[in-house]
Amino acid sequence: MVDLTKACDRTAKLLENVRDEDFGARTPCEKLSVAELMAHIGGLAAAFAAAARKEFGPLTDTVPDDSAYRLDDDWRTRYPDELARLAAAWRAPEAWEGMTRIAGFDLPGEVAGMIALTEVVIHGWDLAQATGQPYDVDDADVRVVLSHVTEVAAEGPAEGLFGPAVQVPDDASPFDRALALSGRDPRGS
């Protein structure tokens, strides 16, 4: 089991500091503006919480569509609440056991939990970069995320998840390596 609490809290704090004038800014997710990225974060939080609880239905069966991300009117309260529910759902040992479903794919709970953490951490960084906010990740989260993106990157770019890996120096930090493997330039360029 991995505790998603710190990652979810960190990303929720970023949401609190987003200004309306940031909405149209581009993010490291090439296709998404800040508003669309925040809508994606709110949606993935709800979907992965449902996956943890094994509550299958529209939240776990629907494949994300980059063109359909619309910021909810109540996003300032709803998305941080969704992130808190996400962290709480993955604190249950049974979330990590057996099979679950996300985006219409059945997979082991353990794998879904790692994907959830990776999504929150990487998209948290995306949001911080796009809005000029600081972003620090604790070592435990970095280890899990780096392990997960290393596995995914070994299979090549994952359409809709990660782009082609970016080259970083041999002495890059573990988090910079994770970002680079996910197709992001850790230098923010």
Protein backbone atom coordinates (compact mmCIF):
# COMPACT_ATOMS: atom_id res chain seq x y z
CA MET A 1 0.00 0.00 0.00
CA VAL A 2 1.05 3.54 -0.75
CA ASP A 3 -0.40 6.55 1.05
CA LEU A 4 -1.72 9.11 -1.44
CA THR A 5 -2.52 11.69 1.26
CA LYS A 6 0.51 13.96 0.86
CA ALA A 7 0.28 13.97 -2.93
CA CYS A 8 -3.44 14.73 -2.86
CA ASP A 9 -3.01 17.45 -0.23
CA ARG A 10 -0.18 19.02 -2.23
CA THR A 11 -2.23 19.13 -5.42
CA ALA A 12 -5.29 20.45 -3.58
CA LYS A 13 -3.16 23.33 -2.23
CA LEU A 14 -2.09 24.16 -5.77
CA LEU A 15 -5.74 24.38 -6.80
CA GLU A 16 -6.39 26.90 -4.03
CA ASN A 17 -3.85 29.28 -5.56
CA VAL A 18 -5.02 29.17 -9.17
CA ARG A 19 -6.36 32.51 -10.35
CA ASP A 20 -9.10 32.92 -12.92
CA GLU A 21 -6.61 34.61 -15.25
CA ASP A 22 -4.56 31.37 -15.26
CA PHE A 23 -7.37 29.32 -16.84
CA GLY A 24 -6.28 29.73 -20.45
CA ALA A 25 -2.56 29.22 -19.84
CA ARG A 26 -0.92 26.24 -21.50
CA THR A 27 0.42 23.38 -19.40
CA PRO A 28 3.09 20.72 -19.90
CA CYS A 29 0.15 18.54 -21.04
CA GLU A 30 0.30 19.83 -24.61
CA LYS A 31 -3.42 19.53 -25.29
CA LEU A 32 -4.69 20.96 -22.00
CA SER A 33 -5.08 24.48 -20.66
CA VAL A 34 -4.93 25.10 -16.91
CA ALA A 35 -8.73 24.96 -16.68
CA GLU A 36 -8.85 21.68 -18.63
CA LEU A 37 -6.03 20.20 -16.53
CA MET A 38 -7.87 21.11 -13.33
CA ALA A 39 -11.05 19.51 -14.68
CA HIS A 40 -9.00 16.40 -15.51
CA ILE A 41 -7.57 16.33 -11.97
CA GLY A 42 -11.06 16.60 -10.47
CA GLY A 43 -12.34 13.84 -12.74
CA LEU A 44 -9.44 11.47 -12.21
CA ALA A 45 -9.74 11.92 -8.44
CA ALA A 46 -13.38 10.84 -8.53
CA ALA A 47 -12.70 7.98 -10.95
CA PHE A 48 -9.72 6.53 -9.08
CA ALA A 49 -11.60 6.82 -5.77
CA ALA A 50 -14.42 4.77 -7.32
CA ALA A 51 -11.84 2.27 -8.59
CA ALA A 52 -10.42 1.96 -5.07
CA ARG A 53 -13.90 1.26 -3.69
CA LYS A 54 -14.60 -1.14 -6.60
CA GLU A 55 -17.71 0.90 -7.48
CA PHE A 56 -17.88 0.17 -11.19
CA GLY A 57 -19.94 2.35 -13.49
CA PRO A 58 -19.55 5.52 -15.55
CA LEU A 59 -16.65 6.82 -13.45
CA THR A 60 -14.58 3.68 -13.96
CA ASP A 61 -15.81 2.69 -17.43
CA THR A 62 -15.35 5.96 -19.31
CA VAL A 63 -12.14 6.62 -21.20
CA PRO A 64 -10.89 10.20 -20.63
CA ASP A 65 -11.42 12.54 -23.59
CA ASP A 66 -9.03 15.51 -23.74
CA SER A 67 -11.65 17.54 -25.62
CA ALA A 68 -14.32 17.05 -22.93
CA TYR A 69 -12.64 18.57 -19.88
CA ARG A 70 -14.89 21.33 -18.57
CA LEU A 71 -14.22 23.10 -15.29
CA ASP A 72 -17.12 22.59 -12.88
CA ASP A 73 -18.62 25.74 -11.37
CA ASP A 74 -17.87 24.48 -7.86
CA TRP A 75 -14.31 23.35 -8.66
CA ARG A 76 -12.72 25.41 -5.87
CA THR A 77 -14.39 23.23 -3.23
CA ARG A 78 -15.27 20.12 -5.21
CA TYR A 79 -11.83 19.21 -6.60
CA PRO A 80 -9.96 19.48 -3.28
CA ASP A 81 -12.76 17.39 -1.72
CA GLU A 82 -12.42 14.82 -4.53
CA LEU A 83 -8.67 14.63 -3.88
CA ALA A 84 -9.29 14.09 -0.15
CA ARG A 85 -11.78 11.30 -0.98
CA LEU A 86 -9.24 9.77 -3.37
CA ALA A 87 -6.60 9.62 -0.63
CA ALA A 88 -9.11 8.19 1.87
CA ALA A 89 -10.30 5.52 -0.56
CA TRP A 90 -6.76 4.24 -1.17
CA ARG A 91 -6.04 4.02 2.57
CA ALA A 92 -8.35 0.98 2.68
CA PRO A 93 -6.28 -2.23 2.35
CA GLU A 94 -8.96 -3.82 0.14
CA ALA A 95 -8.41 -1.08 -2.47
CA TRP A 96 -5.00 -2.61 -3.18
CA GLU A 97 -6.32 -6.19 -3.35
CA GLY A 98 -7.89 -8.06 -6.23
CA MET A 99 -8.97 -6.49 -9.48
CA THR A 100 -10.52 -3.12 -10.21
CA ARG A 101 -11.35 -1.02 -13.27
CA ILE A 102 -10.35 2.40 -14.55
CA ALA A 103 -11.01 3.96 -17.98
CA GLY A 104 -12.75 0.75 -19.00
CA PHE A 105 -9.71 -1.45 -18.28
CA ASP A 106 -9.62 -4.17 -15.66
CA LEU A 107 -6.35 -4.25 -13.74
CA PRO A 108 -4.98 -5.20 -10.33
CA GLY A 109 -5.84 -2.80 -7.53
CA GLU A 110 -2.16 -2.40 -6.74
CA VAL A 111 -1.46 -1.16 -10.26
CA ALA A 112 -4.45 1.22 -10.21
CA GLY A 113 -3.20 2.69 -6.94
CA MET A 114 0.23 3.36 -8.42
CA ILE A 115 -1.36 4.94 -11.49
CA ALA A 116 -3.52 7.14 -9.24
CA LEU A 117 -0.48 8.38 -7.33
CA THR A 118 1.45 8.99 -10.56
CA GLU A 119 -1.46 10.95 -12.05
CA VAL A 120 -1.80 13.17 -8.97
CA VAL A 121 1.94 13.80 -8.68
CA ILE A 122 2.71 14.38 -12.36
CA HIS A 123 -0.38 16.52 -12.97
CA GLY A 124 0.33 18.40 -9.76
CA TRP A 125 3.71 19.29 -11.21
CA ASP A 126 2.03 20.24 -14.52
CA LEU A 127 -0.31 22.59 -12.68
CA ALA A 128 2.50 24.10 -10.62
CA GLN A 129 4.56 24.75 -13.76
CA ALA A 130 1.66 26.35 -15.60
CA THR A 131 0.70 28.61 -12.70
CA GLY A 132 4.18 29.50 -11.41
CA GLN A 133 3.80 27.72 -8.08
CA PRO A 134 6.51 25.81 -6.20
CA TYR A 135 6.17 22.03 -6.14
CA ASP A 136 8.05 19.70 -3.82
CA VAL A 137 7.50 15.96 -3.77
CA ASP A 138 8.50 13.71 -0.88
CA ASP A 139 10.94 10.88 -1.47
CA ALA A 140 8.42 8.08 -0.87
CA ASP A 141 6.12 9.39 -3.61
CA VAL A 142 9.05 9.92 -5.96
CA ARG A 143 10.19 6.30 -5.56
CA VAL A 144 6.76 4.95 -6.46
CA VAL A 145 6.22 7.36 -9.36
CA LEU A 146 9.70 6.75 -10.80
CA SER A 147 9.18 2.99 -10.60
CA HIS A 148 5.80 3.26 -12.32
CA VAL A 149 6.87 5.60 -15.14
CA THR A 150 10.02 3.54 -15.73
CA GLU A 151 7.80 0.51 -16.31
CA VAL A 152 5.44 2.42 -18.61
CA ALA A 153 8.25 4.14 -20.54
CA ALA A 154 9.90 0.78 -21.25
CA GLU A 155 6.90 -0.01 -23.45
CA GLY A 156 7.20 3.28 -25.39
CA PRO A 157 5.04 6.41 -25.38
CA ALA A 158 1.58 5.72 -23.96
CA GLU A 159 -0.98 7.63 -26.02
CA GLY A 160 -2.98 9.88 -23.75
CA LEU A 161 -0.75 9.20 -20.75
CA PHE A 162 2.86 10.03 -21.49
CA GLY A 163 4.76 11.40 -24.44
CA PRO A 164 8.19 10.29 -25.63
CA ALA A 165 10.87 10.44 -22.93
CA VAL A 166 12.93 13.61 -22.62
CA GLN A 167 16.70 13.39 -22.18
CA VAL A 168 18.06 14.53 -18.81
CA PRO A 169 21.63 14.54 -17.45
CA ASP A 170 22.90 11.36 -15.79
CA ASP A 171 22.92 13.15 -12.43
CA ALA A 172 19.27 14.27 -12.68
CA SER A 173 17.24 13.86 -9.51
CA PRO A 174 14.88 10.89 -9.27
CA PHE A 175 11.87 13.21 -9.70
CA ASP A 176 13.42 14.88 -12.74
CA ARG A 177 14.00 11.40 -14.21
CA ALA A 178 10.34 10.51 -13.54
CA LEU A 179 9.16 13.70 -15.22
CA ALA A 180 11.45 13.09 -18.19
CA LEU A 181 10.25 9.51 -18.58
CA SER A 182 6.67 10.82 -18.64
CA GLY A 183 7.57 13.07 -21.58
CA ARG A 184 7.99 16.28 -19.60
CA ASP A 185 11.02 18.54 -19.52
CA PRO A 186 11.84 18.95 -15.82
CA ARG A 187 13.53 22.27 -16.61
CA GLY A 188 10.06 23.54 -17.49
CA SER A 189 10.87 24.36 -21.09
